[in-house]
């Protein structure tokens, strides 16, 4: 059985095609849901982070905490079918003060609209 160190190296060093992984995951979810009626949920979620190495960390409002804290915020889309929640897509919110070269500032509603489109 592999130890956590080898799992870390596998995850860190493996060649990941995130677009292909997303497409595969969405196809799998579509196969499970089929033509069933679904509820689409758009949600903003934040996680408190103390790291200095993670991009887009900022002191910002973390809705699920109900307060301002240093963290990372994402806008997420979920499908709810028969009481089961399926994660669809997400976008990371990039605060103005944390933009990297080439980034464009987008509000959380703008990110939600991109997900819907």
C-alpha atoms as a PDB file:
ATOM      1  CA  UNK A   1       0.000   0.000   0.000  1.00  0.00           C
ATOM      2  CA  UNK A   2       1.473   3.378  -1.003  1.00  0.00           C
ATOM      3  CA  UNK A   3       2.299   5.820   1.772  1.00  0.00           C
ATOM      4  CA  UNK A   4       1.077   9.410   1.867  1.00  0.00           C
ATOM      5  CA  UNK A   5       4.442  10.658   0.579  1.00  0.00           C
ATOM      6  CA  UNK A   6       4.134   8.641  -2.643  1.00  0.00           C
ATOM      7  CA  UNK A   7       0.525   9.793  -3.097  1.00  0.00           C
ATOM      8  CA  UNK A   8       1.711  13.393  -2.666  1.00  0.00           C
ATOM      9  CA  UNK A   9       4.365  12.893  -5.366  1.00  0.00           C
ATOM     10  CA  UNK A  10       1.859  11.225  -7.679  1.00  0.00           C
ATOM     11  CA  UNK A  11      -0.584  14.113  -7.346  1.00  0.00           C
ATOM     12  CA  UNK A  12       2.123  16.751  -7.606  1.00  0.00           C
ATOM     13  CA  UNK A  13       4.112  15.247 -10.475  1.00  0.00           C
ATOM     14  CA  UNK A  14       1.414  13.620 -12.598  1.00  0.00           C
ATOM     15  CA  UNK A  15       0.567  15.307 -15.878  1.00  0.00           C
ATOM     16  CA  UNK A  16      -2.989  16.563 -15.479  1.00  0.00           C
ATOM     17  CA  UNK A  17      -5.135  17.821 -18.324  1.00  0.00           C
ATOM     18  CA  UNK A  18      -7.710  19.726 -16.293  1.00  0.00           C
ATOM     19  CA  UNK A  19     -10.010  20.346 -19.282  1.00  0.00           C
ATOM     20  CA  UNK A  20     -10.059  16.636 -20.127  1.00  0.00           C
ATOM     21  CA  UNK A  21     -10.668  15.714 -16.469  1.00  0.00           C
ATOM     22  CA  UNK A  22     -13.527  18.211 -16.245  1.00  0.00           C
ATOM     23  CA  UNK A  23     -15.073  16.905 -19.470  1.00  0.00           C
ATOM     24  CA  UNK A  24     -14.792  13.295 -18.265  1.00  0.00           C
ATOM     25  CA  UNK A  25     -16.337  14.166 -14.884  1.00  0.00           C
ATOM     26  CA  UNK A  26     -19.208  16.119 -16.508  1.00  0.00           C
ATOM     27  CA  UNK A  27     -19.875  13.272 -18.958  1.00  0.00           C
ATOM     28  CA  UNK A  28     -19.982  10.823 -16.042  1.00  0.00           C
ATOM     29  CA  UNK A  29     -22.441  13.059 -14.166  1.00  0.00           C
ATOM     30  CA  UNK A  30     -24.562  13.439 -17.317  1.00  0.00           C
ATOM     31  CA  UNK A  31     -24.674   9.653 -17.693  1.00  0.00           C
ATOM     32  CA  UNK A  32     -25.861   9.357 -14.070  1.00  0.00           C
ATOM     33  CA  UNK A  33     -28.469  12.106 -14.293  1.00  0.00           C
ATOM     34  CA  UNK A  34     -29.679  11.413 -17.814  1.00  0.00           C
ATOM     35  CA  UNK A  35     -32.814  13.392 -18.629  1.00  0.00           C
ATOM     36  CA  UNK A  36     -33.976  13.726 -15.012  1.00  0.00           C
ATOM     37  CA  UNK A  37     -35.130  17.128 -13.863  1.00  0.00           C
ATOM     38  CA  UNK A  38     -32.446  18.933 -11.883  1.00  0.00           C
ATOM     39  CA  UNK A  39     -32.118  22.004  -9.740  1.00  0.00           C
ATOM     40  CA  UNK A  40     -29.132  24.191 -10.634  1.00  0.00           C
ATOM     41  CA  UNK A  41     -27.505  25.871  -7.630  1.00  0.00           C
ATOM     42  CA  UNK A  42     -24.973  28.684  -7.916  1.00  0.00           C
ATOM     43  CA  UNK A  43     -23.063  29.196  -4.683  1.00  0.00           C
ATOM     44  CA  UNK A  44     -20.185  31.242  -3.344  1.00  0.00           C
ATOM     45  CA  UNK A  45     -17.959  29.333  -0.952  1.00  0.00           C
ATOM     46  CA  UNK A  46     -14.909  30.438   0.979  1.00  0.00           C
ATOM     47  CA  UNK A  47     -12.183  28.649   2.851  1.00  0.00           C
ATOM     48  CA  UNK A  48      -9.909  30.184   5.446  1.00  0.00           C
ATOM     49  CA  UNK A  49      -6.261  29.776   4.479  1.00  0.00           C
ATOM     50  CA  UNK A  50      -3.124  30.806   6.311  1.00  0.00           C
ATOM     51  CA  UNK A  51      -0.751  29.864   3.508  1.00  0.00           C
ATOM     52  CA  UNK A  52       1.408  32.471   1.873  1.00  0.00           C
ATOM     53  CA  UNK A  53       2.011  30.284  -1.209  1.00  0.00           C
ATOM     54  CA  UNK A  54      -1.575  30.118  -2.511  1.00  0.00           C
ATOM     55  CA  UNK A  55      -2.629  32.638  -5.174  1.00  0.00           C
ATOM     56  CA  UNK A  56      -5.666  34.896  -4.634  1.00  0.00           C
ATOM     57  CA  UNK A  57      -5.675  34.743  -0.841  1.00  0.00           C
ATOM     58  CA  UNK A  58      -7.002  37.910   0.674  1.00  0.00           C
ATOM     59  CA  UNK A  59      -8.864  39.218   3.669  1.00  0.00           C
ATOM     60  CA  UNK A  60     -12.386  39.025   2.310  1.00  0.00           C
ATOM     61  CA  UNK A  61     -15.907  38.110   3.288  1.00  0.00           C
ATOM     62  CA  UNK A  62     -16.276  34.328   3.648  1.00  0.00           C
ATOM     63  CA  UNK A  63     -20.014  33.777   3.310  1.00  0.00           C
ATOM     64  CA  UNK A  64     -20.177  30.310   4.843  1.00  0.00           C
ATOM     65  CA  UNK A  65     -18.400  31.718   7.938  1.00  0.00           C
ATOM     66  CA  UNK A  66     -20.486  34.887   7.991  1.00  0.00           C
ATOM     67  CA  UNK A  67     -17.432  37.064   8.570  1.00  0.00           C
ATOM     68  CA  UNK A  68     -14.300  38.527   7.030  1.00  0.00           C
ATOM     69  CA  UNK A  69     -11.190  36.346   7.133  1.00  0.00           C
ATOM     70  CA  UNK A  70      -8.064  35.634   5.087  1.00  0.00           C
ATOM     71  CA  UNK A  71      -9.105  33.027   2.595  1.00  0.00           C
ATOM     72  CA  UNK A  72      -9.935  31.838  -0.884  1.00  0.00           C
ATOM     73  CA  UNK A  73     -13.400  32.266  -2.411  1.00  0.00           C
ATOM     74  CA  UNK A  74     -14.922  30.382  -5.330  1.00  0.00           C
ATOM     75  CA  UNK A  75     -18.179  30.553  -7.269  1.00  0.00           C
ATOM     76  CA  UNK A  76     -19.601  27.062  -7.804  1.00  0.00           C
ATOM     77  CA  UNK A  77     -22.347  25.390  -9.815  1.00  0.00           C
ATOM     78  CA  UNK A  78     -24.063  22.231  -8.568  1.00  0.00           C
ATOM     79  CA  UNK A  79     -26.840  20.063  -9.956  1.00  0.00           C
ATOM     80  CA  UNK A  80     -29.253  18.599  -7.410  1.00  0.00           C
ATOM     81  CA  UNK A  81     -31.121  15.516  -8.596  1.00  0.00           C
ATOM     82  CA  UNK A  82     -33.133  13.269  -6.314  1.00  0.00           C
ATOM     83  CA  UNK A  83     -31.508  14.702  -3.205  1.00  0.00           C
ATOM     84  CA  UNK A  84     -27.977  14.096  -4.520  1.00  0.00           C
ATOM     85  CA  UNK A  85     -25.659  17.046  -5.209  1.00  0.00           C
ATOM     86  CA  UNK A  86     -23.342  16.824  -8.213  1.00  0.00           C
ATOM     87  CA  UNK A  87     -20.477  19.338  -8.538  1.00  0.00           C
ATOM     88  CA  UNK A  88     -20.431  20.844 -12.022  1.00  0.00           C
ATOM     89  CA  UNK A  89     -18.099  23.818 -12.459  1.00  0.00           C
ATOM     90  CA  UNK A  90     -16.312  26.426 -10.358  1.00  0.00           C
ATOM     91  CA  UNK A  91     -14.342  29.621 -10.811  1.00  0.00           C
ATOM     92  CA  UNK A  92     -11.919  31.176  -8.330  1.00  0.00           C
ATOM     93  CA  UNK A  93     -12.730  34.743  -7.279  1.00  0.00           C
ATOM     94  CA  UNK A  94      -9.629  36.907  -7.709  1.00  0.00           C
ATOM     95  CA  UNK A  95      -9.713  40.024  -5.496  1.00  0.00           C
ATOM     96  CA  UNK A  96      -8.423  43.204  -7.136  1.00  0.00           C
ATOM     97  CA  UNK A  97      -5.392  43.371  -4.843  1.00  0.00           C
ATOM     98  CA  UNK A  98      -4.342  39.797  -5.705  1.00  0.00           C
ATOM     99  CA  UNK A  99      -4.482  39.851  -9.504  1.00  0.00           C
ATOM    100  CA  UNK A 100      -1.569  38.206 -11.263  1.00  0.00           C
ATOM    101  CA  UNK A 101      -0.168  39.459 -14.593  1.00  0.00           C
ATOM    102  CA  UNK A 102      -2.712  38.687 -17.319  1.00  0.00           C
ATOM    103  CA  UNK A 103      -5.655  38.392 -14.883  1.00  0.00           C
ATOM    104  CA  UNK A 104      -8.842  40.385 -15.357  1.00  0.00           C
ATOM    105  CA  UNK A 105     -10.908  41.415 -12.357  1.00  0.00           C
ATOM    106  CA  UNK A 106     -14.391  39.855 -12.366  1.00  0.00           C
ATOM    107  CA  UNK A 107     -17.070  40.134  -9.712  1.00  0.00           C
ATOM    108  CA  UNK A 108     -18.676  37.029  -8.244  1.00  0.00           C
ATOM    109  CA  UNK A 109     -21.906  37.637 -10.244  1.00  0.00           C
ATOM    110  CA  UNK A 110     -19.794  37.921 -13.422  1.00  0.00           C
ATOM    111  CA  UNK A 111     -18.139  34.580 -12.600  1.00  0.00           C
ATOM    112  CA  UNK A 112     -21.564  33.008 -12.032  1.00  0.00           C
ATOM    113  CA  UNK A 113     -22.724  34.306 -15.423  1.00  0.00           C
ATOM    114  CA  UNK A 114     -19.616  32.794 -17.077  1.00  0.00           C
ATOM    115  CA  UNK A 115     -20.428  29.440 -15.514  1.00  0.00           C
ATOM    116  CA  UNK A 116     -24.024  29.627 -16.780  1.00  0.00           C
ATOM    117  CA  UNK A 117     -22.886  30.518 -20.283  1.00  0.00           C
END
